[in-house]
Amino acid sequence: MNGLRSAHAKGFLPWLSGARAQVVALQEVRARPEQLPDEVRAPARWKTHFSAAERPGYSGVGLFSRDEPDTVETRLGVPEMDLEGRLQLARFGKLTVANVYFPNGNGKDRDLSRIPFKLAFYRRLFDQLEKPLRDGERLLVVGDFNTAHQDIDLARPRENRETSGFRPEEREELDRWLRAGWVDSFRHFHKGAGHYSWWSQRFGVREKNIGWRIDYVLASPAAMAFVKRAAIHPDVSGSDHCPVSVDLDSAVR
């Protein structure tokens, strides 16, 4: 979102009402629930849940759903990870949706100092989801992964090989998830180049489509059997990211 309050001023609620979604997962909310306007915190006909970071104006995830989740878990069990408000594990019947804001590898001075923390977060979540994946449960991991997987996933791969978000160790971590059985739902349906979900805010970059695909919906094999289509929505503005989506057969629940 690059801030839900900012997105609200740019038309988030009209988009939400027209999206025809059952579940909407937000990353980088940058606000505690009590800091949000009432109409955003609890819009009519939506159930909402937020997990905020301890640090003000930083990180945070939010979930808007038509039905109340059976359960929502927000902790990985590692204090330094949990205090950043990066996770919601929401169960809707037989389907579990993990809404995740994966860390960026850059430190305050864009010095790559957070890459070890980023990879540790990936691995901790991977371990937490390994048993349900192996047991054939229906799982979706949705959100900002802060990593472009392959050359096809960013406009200028050659120039960014040493940039956090496209370094070999970050890409290898995504490889590990896919080797374990997770399915990149968008790539399952769309093999071509030029599909991006994030653009620098420098002038003209988005218009020229010089972007990165760093927002994903990864599906367990059991959930992927119900995925009918996957899409990226670059026409939706209001943030430096755009929404990504999957349509599921209602029998998934």
Protein backbone atom coordinates (compact mmCIF):
# COMPACT_ATOMS: atom_id res chain seq x y z
CA MET A 1 0.00 0.00 0.00
CA ASN A 2 2.86 2.39 0.75
CA GLY A 3 0.57 3.52 3.58
CA LEU A 4 -3.15 2.73 3.82
CA ARG A 5 -3.99 6.28 4.87
CA SER A 6 -2.25 7.56 1.76
CA ALA A 7 -4.01 4.97 -0.42
CA HIS A 8 -7.34 5.94 1.14
CA ALA A 9 -6.82 9.51 -0.07
CA LYS A 10 -6.17 8.12 -3.56
CA GLY A 11 -9.33 6.06 -3.85
CA PHE A 12 -8.79 2.79 -1.96
CA LEU A 13 -12.42 2.41 -0.85
CA PRO A 14 -13.97 2.90 -4.31
CA TRP A 15 -11.48 0.34 -5.64
CA LEU A 16 -12.34 -2.08 -2.80
CA SER A 17 -16.07 -1.81 -3.45
CA GLY A 18 -15.57 -2.48 -7.17
CA ALA A 19 -12.98 -5.24 -6.92
CA ARG A 20 -15.53 -8.07 -6.47
CA ALA A 21 -13.07 -9.76 -4.13
CA GLN A 22 -13.78 -12.13 -1.26
CA VAL A 23 -10.42 -11.57 0.43
CA VAL A 24 -8.11 -8.56 0.06
CA ALA A 25 -4.65 -8.73 1.65
CA LEU A 26 -2.70 -5.52 2.20
CA GLN A 27 0.99 -5.04 2.94
CA GLU A 28 2.79 -1.94 4.26
CA VAL A 29 -0.27 -0.51 5.98
CA ARG A 30 1.93 1.84 8.05
CA ALA A 31 -0.72 2.54 10.68
CA ARG A 32 -2.23 1.08 13.80
CA PRO A 33 -5.95 0.30 13.48
CA GLU A 34 -6.93 3.20 15.74
CA GLN A 35 -5.08 5.59 13.42
CA LEU A 36 -7.25 4.65 10.45
CA PRO A 37 -10.49 6.47 9.60
CA ASP A 38 -13.56 4.53 10.69
CA GLU A 39 -14.67 3.94 7.11
CA VAL A 40 -11.33 2.28 6.34
CA ARG A 41 -10.91 0.37 9.57
CA ALA A 42 -14.40 -1.16 9.34
CA PRO A 43 -16.08 -0.59 5.95
CA ALA A 44 -19.63 -1.84 5.55
CA ARG A 45 -20.00 -5.52 4.62
CA TRP A 46 -16.32 -6.28 5.24
CA LYS A 47 -14.60 -8.04 8.13
CA THR A 48 -11.17 -6.57 8.88
CA HIS A 49 -8.08 -7.59 10.80
CA PHE A 50 -4.81 -5.68 11.17
CA SER A 51 -1.36 -6.53 12.51
CA ALA A 52 0.72 -3.43 13.08
CA ALA A 53 4.44 -3.03 13.64
CA GLU A 54 5.72 -1.88 17.00
CA ARG A 55 7.59 0.93 15.24
CA PRO A 56 5.19 3.76 14.29
CA GLY A 57 4.44 4.31 10.61
CA TYR A 58 6.28 1.18 9.51
CA SER A 59 5.35 -2.13 7.87
CA GLY A 60 2.04 -3.69 8.96
CA VAL A 61 -0.46 -5.96 7.19
CA GLY A 62 -4.22 -5.87 6.89
CA LEU A 63 -6.93 -8.28 5.81
CA PHE A 64 -10.36 -7.41 4.41
CA SER A 65 -12.71 -10.35 3.90
CA ARG A 66 -16.38 -10.85 3.19
CA ASP A 67 -16.55 -13.66 5.76
CA GLU A 68 -15.00 -13.73 9.20
CA PRO A 69 -11.87 -15.94 9.22
CA ASP A 70 -12.07 -19.00 11.45
CA THR A 71 -8.70 -18.06 12.94
CA VAL A 72 -5.95 -15.49 12.35
CA GLU A 73 -2.38 -16.05 13.55
CA THR A 74 0.16 -13.23 13.37
CA ARG A 75 3.33 -14.67 14.90
CA LEU A 76 6.29 -16.67 13.69
CA GLY A 77 7.62 -17.07 17.22
CA VAL A 78 10.72 -14.92 16.66
CA PRO A 79 10.36 -11.63 18.58
CA GLU A 80 12.43 -9.47 16.23
CA MET A 81 10.28 -10.68 13.31
CA ASP A 82 6.93 -10.53 15.07
CA LEU A 83 7.33 -6.94 16.25
CA GLU A 84 7.46 -5.79 12.60
CA GLY A 85 3.85 -6.79 11.86
CA ARG A 86 4.55 -8.77 8.70
CA LEU A 87 2.24 -11.79 8.88
CA GLN A 88 -1.39 -12.87 9.02
CA LEU A 89 -2.26 -16.55 8.69
CA ALA A 90 -6.02 -16.59 8.14
CA ARG A 91 -8.03 -19.78 7.84
CA PHE A 92 -11.29 -19.87 5.90
CA GLY A 93 -12.61 -23.41 6.16
CA LYS A 94 -10.18 -25.67 4.29
CA LEU A 95 -8.23 -22.72 2.83
CA THR A 96 -5.44 -20.89 4.64
CA VAL A 97 -4.30 -17.51 3.33
CA ALA A 98 -0.92 -16.25 4.49
CA ASN A 99 -0.75 -12.49 4.01
CA VAL A 100 2.94 -11.63 4.16
CA TYR A 101 5.05 -8.51 3.85
CA PHE A 102 8.53 -9.98 3.38
CA PRO A 103 11.40 -7.75 4.52
CA ASN A 104 13.49 -5.66 2.16
CA GLY A 105 17.19 -6.53 2.17
CA ASN A 106 18.33 -2.92 2.31
CA GLY A 107 19.27 -1.19 5.53
CA LYS A 108 18.73 2.49 6.21
CA ASP A 109 21.58 3.42 3.86
CA ARG A 110 20.64 0.86 1.15
CA ASP A 111 23.67 -1.15 2.27
CA LEU A 112 22.22 -4.71 1.92
CA SER A 113 22.56 -5.12 5.69
CA ARG A 114 19.05 -6.56 6.10
CA ILE A 115 19.51 -9.44 3.67
CA PRO A 116 20.36 -11.94 6.46
CA PHE A 117 17.20 -10.90 8.34
CA LYS A 118 15.16 -11.11 5.14
CA LEU A 119 16.38 -14.64 4.38
CA ALA A 120 15.85 -15.73 7.99
CA PHE A 121 12.25 -14.50 7.77
CA TYR A 122 11.70 -16.44 4.52
CA ARG A 123 13.12 -19.60 6.09
CA ARG A 124 11.16 -19.28 9.31
CA LEU A 125 7.88 -18.97 7.40
CA PHE A 126 8.89 -21.81 5.05
CA ASP A 127 9.49 -24.06 8.07
CA GLN A 128 6.17 -23.10 9.63
CA LEU A 129 4.28 -23.97 6.44
CA GLU A 130 6.27 -27.08 5.55
CA LYS A 131 4.10 -29.61 7.42
CA PRO A 132 0.73 -28.34 6.14
CA LEU A 133 2.21 -28.21 2.62
CA ARG A 134 3.43 -31.80 2.97
CA ASP A 135 0.08 -32.86 4.43
CA GLY A 136 -1.74 -31.63 1.33
CA GLU A 137 -3.47 -28.63 2.87
CA ARG A 138 -4.85 -25.80 0.75
CA LEU A 139 -2.53 -22.83 1.25
CA LEU A 140 -1.94 -19.51 -0.47
CA VAL A 141 1.00 -17.26 0.39
CA VAL A 142 0.17 -13.80 -0.90
CA GLY A 143 1.97 -10.49 -0.70
CA ASP A 144 5.07 -8.44 -1.33
CA PHE A 145 7.96 -10.91 -1.51
CA ASN A 146 10.48 -8.12 -2.19
CA THR A 147 12.28 -10.44 -4.64
CA ALA A 148 12.16 -10.74 -8.41
CA HIS A 149 12.65 -14.40 -9.19
CA GLN A 150 14.07 -14.55 -12.72
CA ASP A 151 15.41 -12.22 -15.42
CA ILE A 152 11.95 -12.12 -16.95
CA ASP A 153 10.59 -10.62 -13.71
CA LEU A 154 12.24 -7.22 -14.03
CA ALA A 155 12.84 -4.84 -16.88
CA ARG A 156 16.59 -4.40 -16.32
CA PRO A 157 18.04 -7.60 -14.84
CA ARG A 158 21.64 -7.02 -15.94
CA GLU A 159 21.87 -3.69 -14.13
CA ASN A 160 20.34 -5.04 -10.90
CA ARG A 161 22.21 -8.27 -10.16
CA GLU A 162 23.82 -6.73 -7.07
CA THR A 163 20.66 -4.91 -5.98
CA SER A 164 18.66 -6.27 -3.06
CA GLY A 165 15.61 -7.96 -4.48
CA PHE A 166 17.56 -9.63 -7.27
CA ARG A 167 20.72 -10.89 -5.64
CA PRO A 168 21.53 -14.62 -6.10
CA GLU A 169 20.89 -15.58 -2.48
CA GLU A 170 17.43 -13.98 -2.53
CA ARG A 171 16.48 -15.60 -5.83
CA GLU A 172 17.75 -18.96 -4.58
CA GLU A 173 15.43 -18.73 -1.60
CA LEU A 174 12.46 -18.39 -3.95
CA ASP A 175 13.85 -21.33 -5.96
CA ARG A 176 13.82 -23.37 -2.75
CA TRP A 177 10.12 -22.66 -2.20
CA LEU A 178 9.27 -23.72 -5.75
CA ARG A 179 11.38 -26.88 -5.51
CA ALA A 180 9.45 -27.76 -2.35
CA GLY A 181 6.20 -27.73 -4.33
CA TRP A 182 4.89 -24.17 -4.12
CA VAL A 183 3.47 -22.91 -7.43
CA ASP A 184 3.95 -19.37 -8.73
CA SER A 185 0.34 -18.97 -9.80
CA PHE A 186 0.93 -16.08 -12.20
CA ARG A 187 3.72 -17.90 -14.07
CA HIS A 188 1.51 -20.99 -14.28
CA PHE A 189 -0.79 -19.02 -16.59
CA HIS A 190 1.48 -16.31 -18.06
CA LYS A 191 4.92 -17.13 -19.46
CA GLY A 192 5.76 -13.86 -21.19
CA ALA A 193 7.81 -10.82 -20.21
CA GLY A 194 6.74 -7.30 -19.34
CA HIS A 195 4.50 -8.15 -16.38
CA TYR A 196 5.47 -6.11 -13.31
CA SER A 197 3.86 -5.20 -9.98
CA TRP A 198 6.24 -2.49 -8.66
CA TRP A 199 7.82 0.58 -10.21
CA SER A 200 10.21 3.19 -8.85
CA GLN A 201 8.49 6.50 -8.14
CA ARG A 202 11.00 8.34 -10.30
CA PHE A 203 9.30 10.38 -13.02
CA GLY A 204 8.22 8.40 -16.07
CA VAL A 205 9.34 4.97 -14.84
CA ARG A 206 5.87 3.46 -14.48
CA GLU A 207 4.70 4.98 -17.75
CA LYS A 208 7.62 3.28 -19.50
CA ASN A 209 6.90 0.03 -17.62
CA ILE A 210 10.41 -0.21 -16.18
CA GLY A 211 9.33 -2.40 -13.31
CA TRP A 212 9.79 -5.47 -11.15
CA ARG A 213 7.44 -8.38 -10.42
CA ILE A 214 7.88 -8.80 -6.67
CA ASP A 215 4.28 -9.44 -5.59
CA TYR A 216 3.14 -13.06 -5.81
CA VAL A 217 0.48 -15.57 -4.94
CA LEU A 218 2.22 -18.87 -4.23
CA ALA A 219 -0.15 -21.83 -4.04
CA SER A 220 0.31 -25.24 -2.51
CA PRO A 221 -0.45 -28.02 -5.01
CA ALA A 222 -3.71 -28.73 -3.18
CA ALA A 223 -4.81 -25.09 -3.52
CA MET A 224 -3.50 -24.74 -7.07
CA ALA A 225 -6.04 -27.35 -8.18
CA PHE A 226 -8.72 -24.70 -7.48
CA VAL A 227 -6.98 -21.69 -9.07
CA LYS A 228 -8.79 -20.74 -12.27
CA ARG A 229 -6.76 -17.67 -13.24
CA ALA A 230 -4.10 -15.27 -11.98
CA ALA A 231 -3.58 -11.64 -12.88
CA ILE A 232 -1.60 -8.46 -12.28
CA HIS A 233 -3.48 -5.14 -12.37
CA PRO A 234 -1.07 -2.37 -13.45
CA ASP A 235 -3.96 -0.01 -14.22
CA VAL A 236 -4.69 0.33 -10.49
CA SER A 237 -2.76 3.28 -9.10
CA GLY A 238 -2.50 4.69 -5.58
CA SER A 239 0.81 3.08 -4.66
CA ASP A 240 4.19 2.21 -6.15
CA HIS A 241 2.84 -1.38 -6.28
CA CYS A 242 -0.26 -2.60 -8.06
CA PRO A 243 -2.59 -5.43 -6.96
CA VAL A 244 -2.12 -9.05 -7.98
CA SER A 245 -4.95 -11.57 -7.82
CA VAL A 246 -6.11 -15.14 -8.21
CA ASP A 247 -9.61 -16.44 -8.88
CA LEU A 248 -10.48 -19.66 -7.08
CA ASP A 249 -13.20 -22.21 -7.49
CA SER A 250 -15.55 -21.73 -4.53
CA ALA A 251 -15.13 -25.43 -3.66
CA VAL A 252 -11.65 -24.63 -2.31
CA ARG A 253 -13.25 -23.92 1.07
